[in-house]
Amino acid sequence: DGDELKKSLSELADKNHHSHTKSISRISSGSNPFLDIAHDPNAAVYKTGFLARKIHADMDGKK
């Protein structure tokens, strides 16, 4: 699934590199409609990577 997504995104980037028309394509997870996102090739990328949750524990062991 991840390889197909990378391949489709690279093909989309190549397609947008050759043409300057504004089009938005859908990236679909297949089974879950809540995971569908609209891919805007002109959107600004602020930060890439993993999202981590900040967790701390108090002295009594509770979070």
N, C-alpha and C. Protein backbone atom coordinates (compact mmCIF):
# COMPACT_ATOMS: atom_id res chain seq x y z
N ASP A 1 0.83 -1.20 0.00
CA ASP A 1 0.00 0.00 0.00
C ASP A 1 0.87 1.26 0.00
N GLY A 2 1.92 1.27 0.83
CA GLY A 2 2.80 2.43 0.90
C GLY A 2 3.59 2.63 -0.38
N ASP A 3 4.00 1.50 -1.01
CA ASP A 3 4.74 1.61 -2.27
C ASP A 3 3.85 2.17 -3.37
N GLU A 4 2.59 1.73 -3.39
CA GLU A 4 1.66 2.25 -4.40
C GLU A 4 1.42 3.73 -4.20
N LEU A 5 1.33 4.18 -2.94
CA LEU A 5 1.12 5.59 -2.66
C LEU A 5 2.32 6.41 -3.10
N LYS A 6 3.54 5.92 -2.80
CA LYS A 6 4.74 6.63 -3.23
C LYS A 6 4.82 6.72 -4.74
N LYS A 7 4.46 5.61 -5.42
CA LYS A 7 4.51 5.59 -6.88
C LYS A 7 3.50 6.56 -7.46
N SER A 8 2.27 6.58 -6.89
CA SER A 8 1.24 7.47 -7.42
C SER A 8 1.61 8.93 -7.16
N LEU A 9 2.21 9.22 -6.00
CA LEU A 9 2.62 10.59 -5.72
C LEU A 9 3.76 11.03 -6.62
N SER A 10 4.70 10.12 -6.91
CA SER A 10 5.80 10.50 -7.81
C SER A 10 5.29 10.71 -9.22
N GLU A 11 4.33 9.88 -9.65
CA GLU A 11 3.73 10.09 -10.97
C GLU A 11 2.97 11.40 -11.02
N LEU A 12 2.29 11.74 -9.94
CA LEU A 12 1.55 13.00 -9.87
C LEU A 12 2.52 14.18 -9.92
N ALA A 13 3.64 14.07 -9.22
CA ALA A 13 4.64 15.14 -9.23
C ALA A 13 5.23 15.30 -10.62
N ASP A 14 5.51 14.19 -11.32
CA ASP A 14 6.03 14.27 -12.68
C ASP A 14 5.01 14.91 -13.61
N LYS A 15 3.76 14.55 -13.44
CA LYS A 15 2.70 15.10 -14.28
C LYS A 15 2.56 16.61 -14.05
N ASN A 16 2.62 17.04 -12.78
CA ASN A 16 2.47 18.45 -12.47
C ASN A 16 3.72 19.24 -12.87
N HIS A 17 4.86 18.57 -12.92
CA HIS A 17 6.08 19.25 -13.33
C HIS A 17 6.01 19.64 -14.80
N HIS A 18 5.34 18.82 -15.60
CA HIS A 18 5.26 19.08 -17.03
C HIS A 18 4.10 20.00 -17.41
N SER A 19 3.09 20.08 -16.59
CA SER A 19 1.95 20.94 -16.91
C SER A 19 1.67 21.84 -15.72
N HIS A 20 1.20 23.04 -16.00
CA HIS A 20 0.95 24.01 -14.94
C HIS A 20 -0.53 24.20 -14.68
N THR A 21 -1.35 23.23 -15.03
CA THR A 21 -2.78 23.34 -14.75
C THR A 21 -3.03 22.97 -13.31
N LYS A 22 -3.97 23.66 -12.68
CA LYS A 22 -4.28 23.39 -11.28
C LYS A 22 -5.35 22.31 -11.22
N SER A 23 -4.97 21.16 -10.67
CA SER A 23 -5.92 20.08 -10.49
C SER A 23 -5.67 19.45 -9.14
N ILE A 24 -6.74 18.99 -8.52
CA ILE A 24 -6.65 18.35 -7.22
C ILE A 24 -7.12 16.92 -7.39
N SER A 25 -6.27 15.97 -7.02
CA SER A 25 -6.65 14.57 -7.11
C SER A 25 -6.93 14.03 -5.72
N ARG A 26 -7.62 12.92 -5.64
CA ARG A 26 -7.96 12.30 -4.37
C ARG A 26 -7.02 11.14 -4.09
N ILE A 27 -6.57 11.05 -2.87
CA ILE A 27 -5.80 9.90 -2.41
C ILE A 27 -6.73 9.12 -1.50
N SER A 28 -7.02 7.90 -1.87
CA SER A 28 -8.00 7.12 -1.13
C SER A 28 -7.35 5.93 -0.46
N SER A 29 -7.78 5.66 0.77
CA SER A 29 -7.28 4.49 1.48
C SER A 29 -8.00 3.23 1.04
N GLY A 30 -9.13 3.37 0.37
CA GLY A 30 -9.86 2.22 -0.14
C GLY A 30 -11.05 1.87 0.72
N SER A 31 -10.83 1.53 1.97
CA SER A 31 -11.93 1.04 2.79
C SER A 31 -12.47 2.08 3.76
N ASN A 32 -11.68 3.05 4.17
CA ASN A 32 -12.11 4.01 5.17
C ASN A 32 -12.30 5.38 4.53
N PRO A 33 -13.55 5.86 4.43
CA PRO A 33 -13.77 7.17 3.79
C PRO A 33 -13.26 8.34 4.63
N PHE A 34 -13.02 8.12 5.92
CA PHE A 34 -12.53 9.20 6.76
C PHE A 34 -11.05 9.47 6.55
N LEU A 35 -10.35 8.56 5.90
CA LEU A 35 -8.94 8.75 5.63
C LEU A 35 -8.68 9.37 4.26
N ASP A 36 -9.74 9.65 3.49
CA ASP A 36 -9.57 10.28 2.18
C ASP A 36 -9.15 11.72 2.38
N ILE A 37 -8.12 12.13 1.66
CA ILE A 37 -7.66 13.51 1.73
C ILE A 37 -7.52 14.04 0.31
N ALA A 38 -7.72 15.33 0.17
CA ALA A 38 -7.52 15.97 -1.12
C ALA A 38 -6.06 16.39 -1.21
N HIS A 39 -5.39 16.00 -2.28
CA HIS A 39 -3.99 16.35 -2.46
C HIS A 39 -3.90 17.60 -3.32
N ASP A 40 -3.39 18.67 -2.74
CA ASP A 40 -3.18 19.91 -3.47
C ASP A 40 -1.69 20.03 -3.79
N PRO A 41 -1.31 19.90 -5.06
CA PRO A 41 0.12 19.94 -5.40
C PRO A 41 0.76 21.29 -5.15
N ASN A 42 -0.04 22.35 -5.01
CA ASN A 42 0.51 23.68 -4.78
C ASN A 42 0.53 24.06 -3.31
N ALA A 43 0.14 23.15 -2.42
CA ALA A 43 0.11 23.44 -0.99
C ALA A 43 1.53 23.53 -0.45
N ALA A 44 1.71 24.43 0.52
CA ALA A 44 3.02 24.60 1.14
C ALA A 44 3.27 23.47 2.13
N VAL A 45 4.50 22.97 2.15
CA VAL A 45 4.89 21.94 3.10
C VAL A 45 5.69 22.61 4.20
N TYR A 46 5.18 22.57 5.42
CA TYR A 46 5.86 23.22 6.53
C TYR A 46 6.81 22.27 7.24
N LYS A 47 6.40 21.03 7.45
CA LYS A 47 7.25 20.07 8.14
C LYS A 47 6.82 18.67 7.73
N THR A 48 7.78 17.81 7.49
CA THR A 48 7.47 16.42 7.16
C THR A 48 8.10 15.53 8.21
N GLY A 49 7.53 14.36 8.39
CA GLY A 49 8.07 13.41 9.35
C GLY A 49 6.97 12.79 10.18
N PHE A 50 7.36 12.18 11.29
CA PHE A 50 6.41 11.50 12.16
C PHE A 50 5.87 12.45 13.21
N LEU A 51 4.62 12.23 13.57
CA LEU A 51 3.99 12.99 14.64
C LEU A 51 4.15 12.20 15.93
N ALA A 52 4.68 12.83 16.94
CA ALA A 52 4.89 12.15 18.23
C ALA A 52 4.08 12.86 19.30
N ARG A 53 3.55 12.09 20.22
CA ARG A 53 2.79 12.65 21.33
C ARG A 53 3.74 12.95 22.48
N LYS A 54 3.60 14.15 23.05
CA LYS A 54 4.45 14.53 24.17
C LYS A 54 3.83 13.98 25.45
N ILE A 55 4.57 13.15 26.15
CA ILE A 55 4.08 12.52 27.37
C ILE A 55 5.06 12.79 28.50
N HIS A 56 4.52 13.09 29.65
CA HIS A 56 5.36 13.20 30.84
C HIS A 56 4.67 12.48 31.99
N ALA A 57 5.44 12.07 32.96
CA ALA A 57 4.88 11.38 34.13
C ALA A 57 5.20 12.21 35.37
N ASP A 58 4.22 12.33 36.25
CA ASP A 58 4.44 13.01 37.52
C ASP A 58 5.23 12.10 38.45
N MET A 59 5.61 12.64 39.59
CA MET A 59 6.41 11.87 40.54
C MET A 59 5.65 10.67 41.10
N ASP A 60 4.31 10.75 41.14
CA ASP A 60 3.54 9.63 41.68
C ASP A 60 3.27 8.56 40.61
N GLY A 61 3.81 8.72 39.41
CA GLY A 61 3.67 7.71 38.37
C GLY A 61 2.50 7.92 37.44
N LYS A 62 1.67 8.93 37.71
CA LYS A 62 0.53 9.20 36.83
C LYS A 62 0.98 10.10 35.69
N LYS A 63 0.29 9.97 34.59
CA LYS A 63 0.63 10.79 33.43
C LYS A 63 -0.04 12.13 33.50
